[in-house]
Every structure is written in structure tokens, then in C-alpha cells.
PDB file of N, CA and C in Angstrom:
ATOM      1  N   MET A   1      38.872 193.228-101.286  1.00  0.00           N
ATOM      2  CA  MET A   1      39.507 192.452-102.322  1.00  0.00           C
ATOM      3  C   MET A   1      40.908 192.978-102.597  1.00  0.00           C
ATOM      4  N   SER A   2      41.696 193.008-101.587  1.00  0.00           N
ATOM      5  CA  SER A   2      43.041 193.527-101.765  1.00  0.00           C
ATOM      6  C   SER A   2      44.002 192.497-102.350  1.00  0.00           C
ATOM      7  N   ASP A   3      43.633 191.209-102.294  1.00  0.00           N
ATOM      8  CA  ASP A   3      44.534 190.176-102.813  1.00  0.00           C
ATOM      9  C   ASP A   3      44.358 189.936-104.308  1.00  0.00           C
ATOM     10  N   GLY A   4      43.447 190.636-104.952  1.00  0.00           N
ATOM     11  CA  GLY A   4      43.284 190.531-106.393  1.00  0.00           C
ATOM     12  C   GLY A   4      42.481 189.320-106.863  1.00  0.00           C
ATOM     13  N   GLN A   5      41.926 188.548-105.946  1.00  0.00           N
ATOM     14  CA  GLN A   5      41.132 187.388-106.338  1.00  0.00           C
ATOM     15  C   GLN A   5      39.660 187.743-106.356  1.00  0.00           C
ATOM     16  N   LEU A   6      38.945 187.093-107.233  1.00  0.00           N
ATOM     17  CA  LEU A   6      37.508 187.286-107.333  1.00  0.00           C
ATOM     18  C   LEU A   6      36.829 186.387-106.317  1.00  0.00           C
ATOM     19  N   HIS A   7      36.041 186.969-105.431  1.00  0.00           N
ATOM     20  CA  HIS A   7      35.339 186.195-104.412  1.00  0.00           C
ATOM     21  C   HIS A   7      33.896 185.991-104.850  1.00  0.00           C
ATOM     22  N   LEU A   8      33.554 184.770-105.165  1.00  0.00           N
ATOM     23  CA  LEU A   8      32.203 184.430-105.575  1.00  0.00           C
ATOM     24  C   LEU A   8      31.397 184.014-104.359  1.00  0.00           C
ATOM     25  N   PRO A   9      30.083 184.247-104.389  1.00  0.00           N
ATOM     26  CA  PRO A   9      29.269 183.778-103.271  1.00  0.00           C
ATOM     27  C   PRO A   9      29.262 182.250-103.249  1.00  0.00           C
ATOM     28  N   PRO A  10      29.105 181.667-102.072  1.00  0.00           N
ATOM     29  CA  PRO A  10      29.100 180.204-102.014  1.00  0.00           C
ATOM     30  C   PRO A  10      27.911 179.641-102.796  1.00  0.00           C
ATOM     31  N   PRO A  11      28.080 178.486-103.421  1.00  0.00           N
ATOM     32  CA  PRO A  11      26.967 177.920-104.186  1.00  0.00           C
ATOM     33  C   PRO A  11      25.807 177.538-103.260  1.00  0.00           C
ATOM     34  N   ARG A  12      24.622 177.665-103.807  1.00  0.00           N
ATOM     35  CA  ARG A  12      23.411 177.337-103.067  1.00  0.00           C
ATOM     36  C   ARG A  12      23.322 175.824-102.888  1.00  0.00           C
ATOM     37  N   LYS A  13      22.860 175.393-101.760  1.00  0.00           N
ATOM     38  CA  LYS A  13      22.679 173.961-101.524  1.00  0.00           C
ATOM     39  C   LYS A  13      21.663 173.418-102.526  1.00  0.00           C
ATOM     40  N   LEU A  14      21.888 172.196-102.972  1.00  0.00           N
ATOM     41  CA  LEU A  14      21.048 171.616-104.018  1.00  0.00           C
ATOM     42  C   LEU A  14      19.601 171.444-103.560  1.00  0.00           C
ATOM     43  N   TRP A  15      19.381 171.079-102.307  1.00  0.00           N
ATOM     44  CA  TRP A  15      18.001 170.887-101.851  1.00  0.00           C
ATOM     45  C   TRP A  15      17.258 172.218-101.780  1.00  0.00           C
ATOM     46  N   VAL A  16      17.971 173.316-101.481  1.00  0.00           N
ATOM     47  CA  VAL A  16      17.332 174.633-101.465  1.00  0.00           C
ATOM     48  C   VAL A  16      16.965 175.023-102.893  1.00  0.00           C
ATOM     49  N   ARG A  17      17.882 174.757-103.824  1.00  0.00           N
ATOM     50  CA  ARG A  17      17.595 175.065-105.229  1.00  0.00           C
ATOM     51  C   ARG A  17      16.419 174.236-105.737  1.00  0.00           C
ATOM     52  N   ALA A  18      16.352 172.961-105.353  1.00  0.00           N
ATOM     53  CA  ALA A  18      15.238 172.110-105.776  1.00  0.00           C
ATOM     54  C   ALA A  18      13.910 172.652-105.253  1.00  0.00           C
ATOM     55  N   LEU A  19      13.899 173.111-104.017  1.00  0.00           N
ATOM     56  CA  LEU A  19      12.685 173.695-103.448  1.00  0.00           C
ATOM     57  C   LEU A  19      12.291 174.971-104.194  1.00  0.00           C
ATOM     58  N   LEU A  20      13.280 175.806-104.492  1.00  0.00           N
ATOM     59  CA  LEU A  20      13.014 177.029-105.259  1.00  0.00           C
ATOM     60  C   LEU A  20      12.536 176.703-106.670  1.00  0.00           C
ATOM     61  N   MET A  21      13.086 175.656-107.264  1.00  0.00           N
ATOM     62  CA  MET A  21      12.671 175.260-108.610  1.00  0.00           C
ATOM     63  C   MET A  21      11.207 174.819-108.633  1.00  0.00           C
ATOM     64  N   ILE A  22      10.783 174.105-107.606  1.00  0.00           N
ATOM     65  CA  ILE A  22       9.378 173.675-107.520  1.00  0.00           C
ATOM     66  C   ILE A  22       8.469 174.887-107.364  1.00  0.00           C
ATOM     67  N   LEU A  23       8.858 175.815-106.490  1.00  0.00           N
ATOM     68  CA  LEU A  23       8.078 177.031-106.289  1.00  0.00           C
ATOM     69  C   LEU A  23       7.990 177.849-107.573  1.00  0.00           C
ATOM     70  N   LEU A  24       9.116 178.004-108.259  1.00  0.00           N
ATOM     71  CA  LEU A  24       9.125 178.791-109.488  1.00  0.00           C
ATOM     72  C   LEU A  24       8.434 178.082-110.648  1.00  0.00           C
ATOM     73  N   ALA A  25       8.397 176.751-110.635  1.00  0.00           N
ATOM     74  CA  ALA A  25       7.644 176.028-111.667  1.00  0.00           C
ATOM     75  C   ALA A  25       6.150 176.331-111.540  1.00  0.00           C
ATOM     76  N   ALA A  26       5.669 176.415-110.306  1.00  0.00           N
ATOM     77  CA  ALA A  26       4.264 176.780-110.091  1.00  0.00           C
ATOM     78  C   ALA A  26       4.015 178.222-110.541  1.00  0.00           C
ATOM     79  N   ALA A  27       4.950 179.117-110.237  1.00  0.00           N
ATOM     80  CA  ALA A  27       4.817 180.509-110.679  1.00  0.00           C
ATOM     81  C   ALA A  27       4.845 180.606-112.198  1.00  0.00           C
ATOM     82  N   PHE A  28       5.673 179.765-112.835  1.00  0.00           N
ATOM     83  CA  PHE A  28       5.750 179.730-114.301  1.00  0.00           C
ATOM     84  C   PHE A  28       4.390 179.351-114.894  1.00  0.00           C
ATOM     85  N   GLN A  29       3.764 178.329-114.341  1.00  0.00           N
ATOM     86  CA  GLN A  29       2.461 177.891-114.849  1.00  0.00           C
ATOM     87  C   GLN A  29       1.407 178.978-114.685  1.00  0.00           C
ATOM     88  N   LEU A  30       1.425 179.649-113.547  1.00  0.00           N
ATOM     89  CA  LEU A  30       0.475 180.736-113.312  1.00  0.00           C
ATOM     90  C   LEU A  30       0.716 181.885-114.285  1.00  0.00           C
ATOM     91  N   ALA A  31       1.961 182.269-114.470  1.00  0.00           N
ATOM     92  CA  ALA A  31       2.284 183.363-115.387  1.00  0.00           C
ATOM     93  C   ALA A  31       1.943 182.997-116.835  1.00  0.00           C
ATOM     94  N   ALA A  32       2.155 181.743-117.211  1.00  0.00           N
ATOM     95  CA  ALA A  32       1.802 181.312-118.568  1.00  0.00           C
ATOM     96  C   ALA A  32       0.289 181.369-118.785  1.00  0.00           C
ATOM     97  N   SER A  33      -0.476 181.017-117.760  1.00  0.00           N
ATOM     98  CA  SER A  33      -1.941 181.105-117.856  1.00  0.00           C
ATOM     99  C   SER A  33      -2.394 182.553-117.975  1.00  0.00           C
ATOM    100  N   VAL A  34      -1.769 183.438-117.217  1.00  0.00           N
ATOM    101  CA  VAL A  34      -2.098 184.865-117.309  1.00  0.00           C
ATOM    102  C   VAL A  34      -1.737 185.391-118.692  1.00  0.00           C
ATOM    103  N   LEU A  35      -0.599 184.969-119.226  1.00  0.00           N
ATOM    104  CA  LEU A  35      -0.196 185.402-120.563  1.00  0.00           C
ATOM    105  C   LEU A  35      -1.191 184.927-121.621  1.00  0.00           C
ATOM    106  N   LEU A  36      -1.682 183.716-121.494  1.00  0.00           N
ATOM    107  CA  LEU A  36      -2.698 183.219-122.426  1.00  0.00           C
ATOM    108  C   LEU A  36      -3.962 184.068-122.342  1.00  0.00           C
ATOM    109  N   PHE A  37      -4.389 184.403-121.134  1.00  0.00           N
ATOM    110  CA  PHE A  37      -5.573 185.246-120.955  1.00  0.00           C
ATOM    111  C   PHE A  37      -5.348 186.629-121.571  1.00  0.00           C
ATOM    112  N   VAL A  38      -4.182 187.217-121.341  1.00  0.00           N
ATOM    113  CA  VAL A  38      -3.855 188.529-121.905  1.00  0.00           C
ATOM    114  C   VAL A  38      -3.857 188.467-123.425  1.00  0.00           C
ATOM    115  N   ALA A  39      -3.338 187.378-123.988  1.00  0.00           N
ATOM    116  CA  ALA A  39      -3.293 187.243-125.445  1.00  0.00           C
ATOM    117  C   ALA A  39      -4.700 187.167-126.036  1.00  0.00           C
ATOM    118  N   VAL A  40      -5.589 186.434-125.385  1.00  0.00           N
ATOM    119  CA  VAL A  40      -6.964 186.317-125.882  1.00  0.00           C
ATOM    120  C   VAL A  40      -7.687 187.660-125.776  1.00  0.00           C
ATOM    121  N   VAL A  41      -7.530 188.340-124.645  1.00  0.00           N
ATOM    122  CA  VAL A  41      -8.153 189.657-124.480  1.00  0.00           C
ATOM    123  C   VAL A  41      -7.576 190.640-125.497  1.00  0.00           C
ATOM    124  N   GLN A  42      -6.280 190.591-125.718  1.00  0.00           N
ATOM    125  CA  GLN A  42      -5.639 191.482-126.700  1.00  0.00           C
ATOM    126  C   GLN A  42      -6.180 191.217-128.108  1.00  0.00           C
ATOM    127  N   LEU A  43      -6.379 189.957-128.441  1.00  0.00           N
ATOM    128  CA  LEU A  43      -6.922 189.607-129.751  1.00  0.00           C
ATOM    129  C   LEU A  43      -8.342 190.156-129.916  1.00  0.00           C
ATOM    130  N   VAL A  44      -9.164 189.979-128.903  1.00  0.00           N
ATOM    131  CA  VAL A  44     -10.543 190.486-128.962  1.00  0.00           C
ATOM    132  C   VAL A  44     -10.544 192.007-129.078  1.00  0.00           C
ATOM    133  N   LEU A  45      -9.709 192.685-128.295  1.00  0.00           N
ATOM    134  CA  LEU A  45      -9.651 194.144-128.367  1.00  0.00           C
ATOM    135  C   LEU A  45      -9.093 194.621-129.702  1.00  0.00           C
ATOM    136  N   ALA A  46      -8.114 193.907-130.244  1.00  0.00           N
ATOM    137  CA  ALA A  46      -7.540 194.301-131.532  1.00  0.00           C
ATOM    138  C   ALA A  46      -8.553 194.134-132.663  1.00  0.00           C
ATOM    139  N   VAL A  47      -9.364 193.093-132.580  1.00  0.00           N
ATOM    140  CA  VAL A  47     -10.392 192.889-133.611  1.00  0.00           C
ATOM    141  C   VAL A  47     -11.468 193.958-133.514  1.00  0.00           C
ATOM    142  N   SER A  48     -11.862 194.301-132.295  1.00  0.00           N
ATOM    143  CA  SER A  48     -12.946 195.267-132.137  1.00  0.00           C
ATOM    144  C   SER A  48     -12.490 196.713-132.320  1.00  0.00           C
ATOM    145  N   ALA A  49     -11.249 197.037-131.964  1.00  0.00           N
ATOM    146  CA  ALA A  49     -10.789 198.424-132.036  1.00  0.00           C
ATOM    147  C   ALA A  49      -9.791 198.665-133.169  1.00  0.00           C
ATOM    148  N   ASP A  50      -9.438 197.646-133.906  1.00  0.00           N
ATOM    149  CA  ASP A  50      -8.474 197.727-135.013  1.00  0.00           C
ATOM    150  C   ASP A  50      -7.067 198.147-134.579  1.00  0.00           C
ATOM    151  N   THR A  51      -6.779 198.102-133.294  1.00  0.00           N
ATOM    152  CA  THR A  51      -5.449 198.424-132.793  1.00  0.00           C
ATOM    153  C   THR A  51      -5.235 197.713-131.464  1.00  0.00           C
ATOM    154  N   PRO A  52      -4.033 197.235-131.212  1.00  0.00           N
ATOM    155  CA  PRO A  52      -3.790 196.557-129.936  1.00  0.00           C
ATOM    156  C   PRO A  52      -3.710 197.540-128.769  1.00  0.00           C
ATOM    157  N   ASN A  53      -4.001 197.062-127.592  1.00  0.00           N
ATOM    158  CA  ASN A  53      -3.959 197.857-126.379  1.00  0.00           C
ATOM    159  C   ASN A  53      -2.511 197.976-125.895  1.00  0.00           C
ATOM    160  N   ALA A  54      -2.036 199.187-125.679  1.00  0.00           N
ATOM    161  CA  ALA A  54      -0.637 199.424-125.296  1.00  0.00           C
ATOM    162  C   ALA A  54      -0.322 198.860-123.911  1.00  0.00           C
ATOM    163  N   ARG A  55      -1.245 198.961-122.978  1.00  0.00           N
ATOM    164  CA  ARG A  55      -0.996 198.429-121.633  1.00  0.00           C
ATOM    165  C   ARG A  55      -0.894 196.909-121.656  1.00  0.00           C
ATOM    166  N   LEU A  56      -1.741 196.270-122.442  1.00  0.00           N
ATOM    167  CA  LEU A  56      -1.659 194.817-122.542  1.00  0.00           C
ATOM    168  C   LEU A  56      -0.396 194.386-123.280  1.00  0.00           C
ATOM    169  N   GLN A  57       0.073 195.196-124.231  1.00  0.00           N
ATOM    170  CA  GLN A  57       1.341 194.906-124.891  1.00  0.00           C
ATOM    171  C   GLN A  57       2.485 194.920-123.878  1.00  0.00           C
ATOM    172  N   ALA A  58       2.509 195.927-123.022  1.00  0.00           N
ATOM    173  CA  ALA A  58       3.562 196.036-122.006  1.00  0.00           C
ATOM    174  C   ALA A  58       3.482 194.889-121.005  1.00  0.00           C
ATOM    175  N   LEU A  59       2.262 194.537-120.601  1.00  0.00           N
ATOM    176  CA  LEU A  59       2.088 193.429-119.662  1.00  0.00           C
ATOM    177  C   LEU A  59       2.549 192.117-120.292  1.00  0.00           C
ATOM    178  N   GLY A  60       2.179 191.886-121.536  1.00  0.00           N
ATOM    179  CA  GLY A  60       2.600 190.668-122.226  1.00  0.00           C
ATOM    180  C   GLY A  60       4.109 190.588-122.380  1.00  0.00           C
ATOM    181  N   CYS A  61       4.730 191.720-122.665  1.00  0.00           N
ATOM    182  CA  CYS A  61       6.187 191.754-122.814  1.00  0.00           C
ATOM    183  C   CYS A  61       6.877 191.449-121.489  1.00  0.00           C
ATOM    184  N   SER A  62       6.417 192.056-120.404  1.00  0.00           N
ATOM    185  CA  SER A  62       7.055 191.798-119.111  1.00  0.00           C
ATOM    186  C   SER A  62       6.773 190.377-118.632  1.00  0.00           C
ATOM    187  N   LEU A  63       5.605 189.831-118.933  1.00  0.00           N
ATOM    188  CA  LEU A  63       5.327 188.424-118.599  1.00  0.00           C
ATOM    189  C   LEU A  63       6.258 187.491-119.362  1.00  0.00           C
ATOM    190  N   GLY A  64       6.503 187.805-120.627  1.00  0.00           N
ATOM    191  CA  GLY A  64       7.428 187.002-121.415  1.00  0.00           C
ATOM    192  C   GLY A  64       8.838 187.041-120.860  1.00  0.00           C
ATOM    193  N   ARG A  65       9.278 188.202-120.425  1.00  0.00           N
ATOM    194  CA  ARG A  65      10.602 188.333-119.809  1.00  0.00           C
ATOM    195  C   ARG A  65      10.674 187.540-118.511  1.00  0.00           C
ATOM    196  N   TYR A  66       9.600 187.589-117.723  1.00  0.00           N
ATOM    197  CA  TYR A  66       9.564 186.831-116.475  1.00  0.00           C
ATOM    198  C   TYR A  66       9.652 185.335-116.756  1.00  0.00           C
ATOM    199  N   LEU A  67       8.903 184.859-117.740  1.00  0.00           N
ATOM    200  CA  LEU A  67       8.948 183.436-118.094  1.00  0.00           C
ATOM    201  C   LEU A  67      10.351 183.040-118.546  1.00  0.00           C
ATOM    202  N   ALA A  68      11.024 183.921-119.276  1.00  0.00           N
ATOM    203  CA  ALA A  68      12.401 183.639-119.705  1.00  0.00           C
ATOM    204  C   ALA A  68      13.347 183.568-118.506  1.00  0.00           C
ATOM    205  N   GLN A  69      13.167 184.452-117.528  1.00  0.00           N
ATOM    206  CA  GLN A  69      13.999 184.419-116.331  1.00  0.00           C
ATOM    207  C   GLN A  69      13.791 183.132-115.542  1.00  0.00           C
ATOM    208  N   VAL A  70      12.537 182.713-115.411  1.00  0.00           N
ATOM    209  CA  VAL A  70      12.245 181.472-114.689  1.00  0.00           C
ATOM    210  C   VAL A  70      12.839 180.282-115.432  1.00  0.00           C
ATOM    211  N   ALA A  71      12.698 180.263-116.750  1.00  0.00           N
ATOM    212  CA  ALA A  71      13.256 179.164-117.542  1.00  0.00           C
ATOM    213  C   ALA A  71      14.776 179.100-117.404  1.00  0.00           C
ATOM    214  N   ALA A  72      15.433 180.252-117.361  1.00  0.00           N
ATOM    215  CA  ALA A  72      16.886 180.272-117.195  1.00  0.00           C
ATOM    216  C   ALA A  72      17.284 179.715-115.830  1.00  0.00           C
ATOM    217  N   PHE A  73      16.539 180.050-114.790  1.00  0.00           N
ATOM    218  CA  PHE A  73      16.850 179.521-113.462  1.00  0.00           C
ATOM    219  C   PHE A  73      16.565 178.023-113.403  1.00  0.00           C
ATOM    220  N   GLU A  74      15.450 177.607-113.960  1.00  0.00           N
ATOM    221  CA  GLU A  74      15.054 176.192-113.921  1.00  0.00           C
ATOM    222  C   GLU A  74      16.049 175.303-114.662  1.00  0.00           C
ATOM    223  N   SER A  75      16.650 175.819-115.715  1.00  0.00           N
ATOM    224  CA  SER A  75      17.569 175.014-116.522  1.00  0.00           C
ATOM    225  C   SER A  75      19.029 175.167-116.096  1.00  0.00           C
ATOM    226  N   PHE A  76      19.252 175.801-114.938  1.00  0.00           N
ATOM    227  CA  PHE A  76      20.593 176.020-114.394  1.00  0.00           C
ATOM    228  C   PHE A  76      21.428 176.952-115.267  1.00  0.00           C
ATOM    229  N   ALA A  77      20.803 177.713-116.147  1.00  0.00           N
ATOM    230  CA  ALA A  77      21.533 178.669-116.971  1.00  0.00           C
ATOM    231  C   ALA A  77      21.833 179.951-116.202  1.00  0.00           C
ATOM    232  N   SER A  78      21.128 180.163-115.086  1.00  0.00           N
ATOM    233  CA  SER A  78      21.320 181.360-114.281  1.00  0.00           C
ATOM    234  C   SER A  78      21.151 181.024-112.810  1.00  0.00           C
ATOM    235  N   GLU A  79      21.905 181.702-111.967  1.00  0.00           N
ATOM    236  CA  GLU A  79      21.758 181.565-110.521  1.00  0.00           C
ATOM    237  C   GLU A  79      20.910 182.694-109.949  1.00  0.00           C
ATOM    238  N   GLU A  80      20.546 183.653-110.801  1.00  0.00           N
ATOM    239  CA  GLU A  80      19.761 184.793-110.344  1.00  0.00           C
ATOM    240  C   GLU A  80      18.297 184.393-110.195  1.00  0.00           C
ATOM    241  N   LEU A  81      17.743 184.629-109.022  1.00  0.00           N
ATOM    242  CA  LEU A  81      16.352 184.292-108.760  1.00  0.00           C
ATOM    243  C   LEU A  81      15.430 185.347-109.356  1.00  0.00           C
ATOM    244  N   PRO A  82      14.394 184.938-110.085  1.00  0.00           N
ATOM    245  CA  PRO A  82      13.442 185.909-110.632  1.00  0.00           C
ATOM    246  C   PRO A  82      12.439 186.369-109.561  1.00  0.00           C
ATOM    247  N   PHE A  83      11.490 187.208-109.959  1.00  0.00           N
ATOM    248  CA  PHE A  83      10.431 187.685-109.076  1.00  0.00           C
ATOM    249  C   PHE A  83       9.766 186.481-108.422  1.00  0.00           C
ATOM    250  N   PRO A  84       9.470 186.472-107.173  1.00  0.00           N
ATOM    251  CA  PRO A  84       9.384 187.539-106.180  1.00  0.00           C
ATOM    252  C   PRO A  84      10.665 187.765-105.390  1.00  0.00           C
ATOM    253  N   PHE A  85      11.765 187.149-105.794  1.00  0.00           N
ATOM    254  CA  PHE A  85      13.033 187.313-105.095  1.00  0.00           C
ATOM    255  C   PHE A  85      13.860 188.464-105.651  1.00  0.00           C
ATOM    256  N   SER A  86      13.451 189.016-106.765  1.00  0.00           N
ATOM    257  CA  SER A  86      14.092 190.187-107.359  1.00  0.00           C
ATOM    258  C   SER A  86      13.001 191.050-107.988  1.00  0.00           C
ATOM    259  N   ALA A  87      13.392 192.122-108.617  1.00  0.00           N
ATOM    260  CA  ALA A  87      12.417 193.053-109.201  1.00  0.00           C
ATOM    261  C   ALA A  87      11.703 192.426-110.403  1.00  0.00           C
ATOM    262  N   TRP A  88      10.478 192.874-110.629  1.00  0.00           N
ATOM    263  CA  TRP A  88       9.714 192.435-111.806  1.00  0.00           C
ATOM    264  C   TRP A  88      10.404 192.967-113.057  1.00  0.00           C
ATOM    265  N   PRO A  89      10.516 192.154-114.112  1.00  0.00           N
ATOM    266  CA  PRO A  89      11.217 192.615-115.319  1.00  0.00           C
ATOM    267  C   PRO A  89      10.462 193.730-116.020  1.00  0.00           C
ATOM    268  N   PRO A  90      11.186 194.719-116.522  1.00  0.00           N
ATOM    269  CA  PRO A  90      10.533 195.830-117.221  1.00  0.00           C
ATOM    270  C   PRO A  90      10.080 195.415-118.614  1.00  0.00           C
ATOM    271  N   ALA A  91       9.145 196.165-119.153  1.00  0.00           N
ATOM    272  CA  ALA A  91       8.631 195.883-120.491  1.00  0.00           C
ATOM    273  C   ALA A  91       9.025 196.948-121.485  1.00  0.00           C
ATOM    274  N   ASP A  92       9.988 197.797-121.143  1.00  0.00           N
ATOM    275  CA  ASP A  92      10.274 198.967-121.966  1.00  0.00           C
ATOM    276  C   ASP A  92      11.125 198.703-123.193  1.00  0.00           C
ATOM    277  N   SER A  93      11.924 197.651-123.205  1.00  0.00           N
ATOM    278  CA  SER A  93      12.771 197.406-124.371  1.00  0.00           C
ATOM    279  C   SER A  93      12.255 196.214-125.183  1.00  0.00           C
ATOM    280  N   GLN A  94      12.716 196.123-126.420  1.00  0.00           N
ATOM    281  CA  GLN A  94      12.255 195.100-127.325  1.00  0.00           C
ATOM    282  C   GLN A  94      12.895 193.742-127.004  1.00  0.00           C
ATOM    283  N   ILE A  95      12.177 192.675-127.281  1.00  0.00           N
ATOM    284  CA  ILE A  95      12.689 191.330-127.116  1.00  0.00           C
ATOM    285  C   ILE A  95      13.383 190.924-128.405  1.00  0.00           C
ATOM    286  N   SER A  96      14.618 190.465-128.327  1.00  0.00           N
ATOM    287  CA  SER A  96      15.319 190.012-129.519  1.00  0.00           C
ATOM    288  C   SER A  96      15.200 188.502-129.621  1.00  0.00           C
ATOM    289  N   LEU A  97      14.801 188.042-130.779  1.00  0.00           N
ATOM    290  CA  LEU A  97      14.619 186.598-130.952  1.00  0.00           C
ATOM    291  C   LEU A  97      15.801 185.992-131.621  1.00  0.00           C
TER     292      LEU A  97
END
């Protein structure tokens, strides 16, 4: 980059993006179903043990981040491909609403 211009990657072809969107929509539905299952199990464990399970909290948080990444790609808000094309989102930081 000696000429001082910013070189952006070429835009993805629309048909490739449409195919990726269909694939990620299916992944979104699967992840949402897993999140529902985790929420129900977490509720049952919280009622029986009077405290939520830390591992399920982390899993739910990372699933929520993944769903947000997929939604951003699906709505053209981001060009970054979520998992399985990039790393799984971490659950270590708080979600800001």
C-alpha cells in the first residue's frame, strides 16, 4: 500500500451470498432450537438447585452472540461470515442491550 489508498477486498457475488444466507438461516434455526433447550434445562436446574449453572450460562451467552452474528450477516449489516467460516464467539464478556 505504497500509494496511500485503501484496498478493499472485492465484493462477494450476490448468488454466493444468497447461498451462504440460506445455509446460515438453517444454522440460525438450529442454534435457536439449542438455545431454547438450554434455557429450559437452565430453568429446571435453577429451580432445583436455587442457582443457575455456570456452564449453561456461558453456552447461552455464546449462542446469543452467534445468533447476533448470523442476523448481522443475513441483514447485510456485516460482510463477516460467522461460524463455521470463522471462530465461535466467546462467552466471556457481557452482552450490552
